[in-house]
Amino acid sequence: MTERGSASILGTAISAVILLLGLMVVTAAGVVSAAFHARTAAEAAALAAVSPVVRDPLAAARGVAALNRAALVSCRCPPPGATPPVTAHVRVQTVVDVPFFGEIVLPAESSAEYVPEGWSTG
């Protein structure tokens, strides 16, 4: 009995494992990147909501979240025309399509405060 070809089978098995590990690493990196992207979208939306130049903080937060490919889930925004200091807390979510797992929803939240320069908060 000879063992001719056993090295080919072993080599193929090792190649398949390496390929699978590579796919897992790329998928994990994509999810981590999307999570950072969601966090950035939340921070930008919160900053937009407290900007002194916007007329409608909720619309500003929603628009900035959408520009960052995220959906605004909730916003505790200052009312239009509020006097500073103002604070906003937003929650957003992004959806990432992960091979073999389908769509995963990634939530993120952030807060921002606008205090004019020279303003004393007490």
C-alpha atoms as a PDB file:
ATOM      1  CA  MET A   1       0.000   0.000   0.000  1.00  0.00           C
ATOM      2  CA  THR A   2       1.370   3.410  -0.946  1.00  0.00           C
ATOM      3  CA  GLU A   3       0.470   6.837   0.282  1.00  0.00           C
ATOM      4  CA  ARG A   4       0.833   8.597  -3.042  1.00  0.00           C
ATOM      5  CA  GLY A   5      -1.303  11.725  -3.205  1.00  0.00           C
ATOM      6  CA  SER A   6      -1.686  12.177   0.556  1.00  0.00           C
ATOM      7  CA  ALA A   7       0.401  15.346   0.407  1.00  0.00           C
ATOM      8  CA  SER A   8      -2.003  16.781  -2.185  1.00  0.00           C
ATOM      9  CA  ILE A   9      -4.977  16.114   0.066  1.00  0.00           C
ATOM     10  CA  LEU A  10      -3.206  17.634   3.059  1.00  0.00           C
ATOM     11  CA  GLY A  11      -2.171  20.670   0.999  1.00  0.00           C
ATOM     12  CA  THR A  12      -5.728  21.174  -0.216  1.00  0.00           C
ATOM     13  CA  ALA A  13      -7.077  20.925   3.334  1.00  0.00           C
ATOM     14  CA  ILE A  14      -4.540  23.451   4.624  1.00  0.00           C
ATOM     15  CA  SER A  15      -5.351  25.814   1.744  1.00  0.00           C
ATOM     16  CA  ALA A  16      -9.079  25.568   2.535  1.00  0.00           C
ATOM     17  CA  VAL A  17      -8.460  26.371   6.213  1.00  0.00           C
ATOM     18  CA  ILE A  18      -6.283  29.357   5.310  1.00  0.00           C
ATOM     19  CA  LEU A  19      -8.918  30.603   2.870  1.00  0.00           C
ATOM     20  CA  LEU A  20     -11.645  30.252   5.506  1.00  0.00           C
ATOM     21  CA  LEU A  21      -9.562  32.105   8.100  1.00  0.00           C
ATOM     22  CA  GLY A  22      -8.886  34.866   5.595  1.00  0.00           C
ATOM     23  CA  LEU A  23     -12.587  35.210   4.868  1.00  0.00           C
ATOM     24  CA  MET A  24     -13.328  35.421   8.595  1.00  0.00           C
ATOM     25  CA  VAL A  25     -10.707  38.141   9.102  1.00  0.00           C
ATOM     26  CA  VAL A  26     -12.009  40.206   6.174  1.00  0.00           C
ATOM     27  CA  THR A  27     -15.593  39.852   7.420  1.00  0.00           C
ATOM     28  CA  ALA A  28     -14.646  40.855  10.966  1.00  0.00           C
ATOM     29  CA  ALA A  29     -12.707  43.854   9.656  1.00  0.00           C
ATOM     30  CA  GLY A  30     -15.759  44.939   7.662  1.00  0.00           C
ATOM     31  CA  VAL A  31     -18.002  44.767  10.721  1.00  0.00           C
ATOM     32  CA  VAL A  32     -15.495  46.698  12.854  1.00  0.00           C
ATOM     33  CA  SER A  33     -15.176  49.335  10.142  1.00  0.00           C
ATOM     34  CA  ALA A  34     -18.970  49.665   9.918  1.00  0.00           C
ATOM     35  CA  ALA A  35     -19.194  50.044  13.707  1.00  0.00           C
ATOM     36  CA  PHE A  36     -16.658  52.892  13.607  1.00  0.00           C
ATOM     37  CA  HIS A  37     -18.611  54.421  10.742  1.00  0.00           C
ATOM     38  CA  ALA A  38     -21.823  54.275  12.813  1.00  0.00           C
ATOM     39  CA  ARG A  39     -20.046  55.974  15.718  1.00  0.00           C
ATOM     40  CA  THR A  40     -18.778  58.721  13.423  1.00  0.00           C
ATOM     41  CA  ALA A  41     -22.292  59.225  12.037  1.00  0.00           C
ATOM     42  CA  ALA A  42     -23.668  59.559  15.575  1.00  0.00           C
ATOM     43  CA  GLU A  43     -21.028  62.109  16.541  1.00  0.00           C
ATOM     44  CA  ALA A  44     -21.616  64.168  13.406  1.00  0.00           C
ATOM     45  CA  ALA A  45     -25.395  64.093  13.892  1.00  0.00           C
ATOM     46  CA  ALA A  46     -25.068  65.242  17.510  1.00  0.00           C
ATOM     47  CA  LEU A  47     -22.770  68.087  16.492  1.00  0.00           C
ATOM     48  CA  ALA A  48     -25.195  69.132  13.752  1.00  0.00           C
ATOM     49  CA  ALA A  49     -28.055  69.220  16.257  1.00  0.00           C
ATOM     50  CA  VAL A  50     -26.269  71.699  18.545  1.00  0.00           C
ATOM     51  CA  SER A  51     -24.861  73.887  15.782  1.00  0.00           C
ATOM     52  CA  PRO A  52     -25.867  77.504  16.346  1.00  0.00           C
ATOM     53  CA  VAL A  53     -26.487  78.043  12.628  1.00  0.00           C
ATOM     54  CA  VAL A  54     -29.230  75.433  12.111  1.00  0.00           C
ATOM     55  CA  ARG A  55     -32.903  76.327  12.336  1.00  0.00           C
ATOM     56  CA  ASP A  56     -34.217  72.806  12.939  1.00  0.00           C
ATOM     57  CA  PRO A  57     -31.856  70.678  15.066  1.00  0.00           C
ATOM     58  CA  LEU A  58     -33.814  67.461  14.491  1.00  0.00           C
ATOM     59  CA  ALA A  59     -33.769  67.890  10.712  1.00  0.00           C
ATOM     60  CA  ALA A  60     -30.067  68.729  10.835  1.00  0.00           C
ATOM     61  CA  ALA A  61     -29.273  65.596  12.855  1.00  0.00           C
ATOM     62  CA  ARG A  62     -31.391  63.433  10.550  1.00  0.00           C
ATOM     63  CA  GLY A  63     -29.767  64.912   7.433  1.00  0.00           C
ATOM     64  CA  VAL A  64     -26.209  64.503   8.671  1.00  0.00           C
ATOM     65  CA  ALA A  65     -26.901  60.928   9.757  1.00  0.00           C
ATOM     66  CA  ALA A  66     -28.301  60.165   6.285  1.00  0.00           C
ATOM     67  CA  LEU A  67     -25.254  61.724   4.616  1.00  0.00           C
ATOM     68  CA  ASN A  68     -23.174  59.276   6.646  1.00  0.00           C
ATOM     69  CA  ARG A  69     -25.349  56.333   5.529  1.00  0.00           C
ATOM     70  CA  ALA A  70     -26.983  55.932   8.935  1.00  0.00           C
ATOM     71  CA  ALA A  71     -30.557  56.252  10.124  1.00  0.00           C
ATOM     72  CA  LEU A  72     -31.430  58.537  13.013  1.00  0.00           C
ATOM     73  CA  VAL A  73     -33.234  56.400  15.606  1.00  0.00           C
ATOM     74  CA  SER A  74     -33.759  59.024  18.300  1.00  0.00           C
ATOM     75  CA  CYS A  75     -32.686  62.543  19.131  1.00  0.00           C
ATOM     76  CA  ARG A  76     -33.018  64.503  22.316  1.00  0.00           C
ATOM     77  CA  CYS A  77     -32.395  67.713  20.449  1.00  0.00           C
ATOM     78  CA  PRO A  78     -32.731  71.285  21.644  1.00  0.00           C
ATOM     79  CA  PRO A  79     -35.911  72.976  20.445  1.00  0.00           C
ATOM     80  CA  PRO A  80     -35.557  75.273  17.436  1.00  0.00           C
ATOM     81  CA  GLY A  81     -34.276  78.680  18.520  1.00  0.00           C
ATOM     82  CA  ALA A  82     -33.057  77.493  21.937  1.00  0.00           C
ATOM     83  CA  THR A  83     -30.569  79.735  23.661  1.00  0.00           C
ATOM     84  CA  PRO A  84     -27.178  78.262  24.535  1.00  0.00           C
ATOM     85  CA  PRO A  85     -25.838  76.269  26.170  1.00  0.00           C
ATOM     86  CA  VAL A  86     -27.636  73.443  24.349  1.00  0.00           C
ATOM     87  CA  THR A  87     -27.131  69.683  24.456  1.00  0.00           C
ATOM     88  CA  ALA A  88     -28.175  66.904  22.089  1.00  0.00           C
ATOM     89  CA  HIS A  89     -28.086  63.147  22.482  1.00  0.00           C
ATOM     90  CA  VAL A  90     -28.602  61.060  19.346  1.00  0.00           C
ATOM     91  CA  ARG A  91     -28.882  57.387  18.477  1.00  0.00           C
ATOM     92  CA  VAL A  92     -28.269  56.123  14.970  1.00  0.00           C
ATOM     93  CA  GLN A  93     -27.986  52.759  13.302  1.00  0.00           C
ATOM     94  CA  THR A  94     -26.344  51.404  10.204  1.00  0.00           C
ATOM     95  CA  VAL A  95     -26.946  48.092   8.508  1.00  0.00           C
ATOM     96  CA  VAL A  96     -24.076  45.983   7.215  1.00  0.00           C
ATOM     97  CA  ASP A  97     -24.468  42.901   5.044  1.00  0.00           C
ATOM     98  CA  VAL A  98     -22.202  40.156   6.381  1.00  0.00           C
ATOM     99  CA  PRO A  99     -21.564  37.157   4.122  1.00  0.00           C
ATOM    100  CA  PHE A 100     -23.177  33.982   5.475  1.00  0.00           C
ATOM    101  CA  PHE A 101     -24.868  35.917   8.319  1.00  0.00           C
ATOM    102  CA  GLY A 102     -27.048  38.397   6.440  1.00  0.00           C
ATOM    103  CA  GLU A 103     -27.747  41.920   7.589  1.00  0.00           C
ATOM    104  CA  ILE A 104     -26.533  43.078  10.990  1.00  0.00           C
ATOM    105  CA  VAL A 105     -27.789  46.307  12.586  1.00  0.00           C
ATOM    106  CA  LEU A 106     -25.045  48.334  14.265  1.00  0.00           C
ATOM    107  CA  PRO A 107     -26.292  50.993  16.704  1.00  0.00           C
ATOM    108  CA  ALA A 108     -24.287  53.961  17.967  1.00  0.00           C
ATOM    109  CA  GLU A 109     -24.983  56.963  20.129  1.00  0.00           C
ATOM    110  CA  SER A 110     -23.316  60.218  20.950  1.00  0.00           C
ATOM    111  CA  SER A 111     -23.882  63.487  22.766  1.00  0.00           C
ATOM    112  CA  ALA A 112     -22.726  66.999  22.015  1.00  0.00           C
ATOM    113  CA  GLU A 113     -22.981  70.323  23.786  1.00  0.00           C
ATOM    114  CA  TYR A 114     -22.654  73.831  22.444  1.00  0.00           C
ATOM    115  CA  VAL A 115     -21.395  76.431  24.887  1.00  0.00           C
ATOM    116  CA  PRO A 116     -20.447  79.794  23.341  1.00  0.00           C
ATOM    117  CA  GLU A 117     -16.899  80.959  23.899  1.00  0.00           C
ATOM    118  CA  GLY A 118     -16.609  82.925  27.118  1.00  0.00           C
ATOM    119  CA  TRP A 119     -19.896  81.501  28.455  1.00  0.00           C
ATOM    120  CA  SER A 120     -19.797  80.414  32.073  1.00  0.00           C
ATOM    121  CA  THR A 121     -21.582  77.147  32.827  1.00  0.00           C
ATOM    122  CA  GLY A 122     -21.400  77.737  36.491  1.00  0.00           C
END
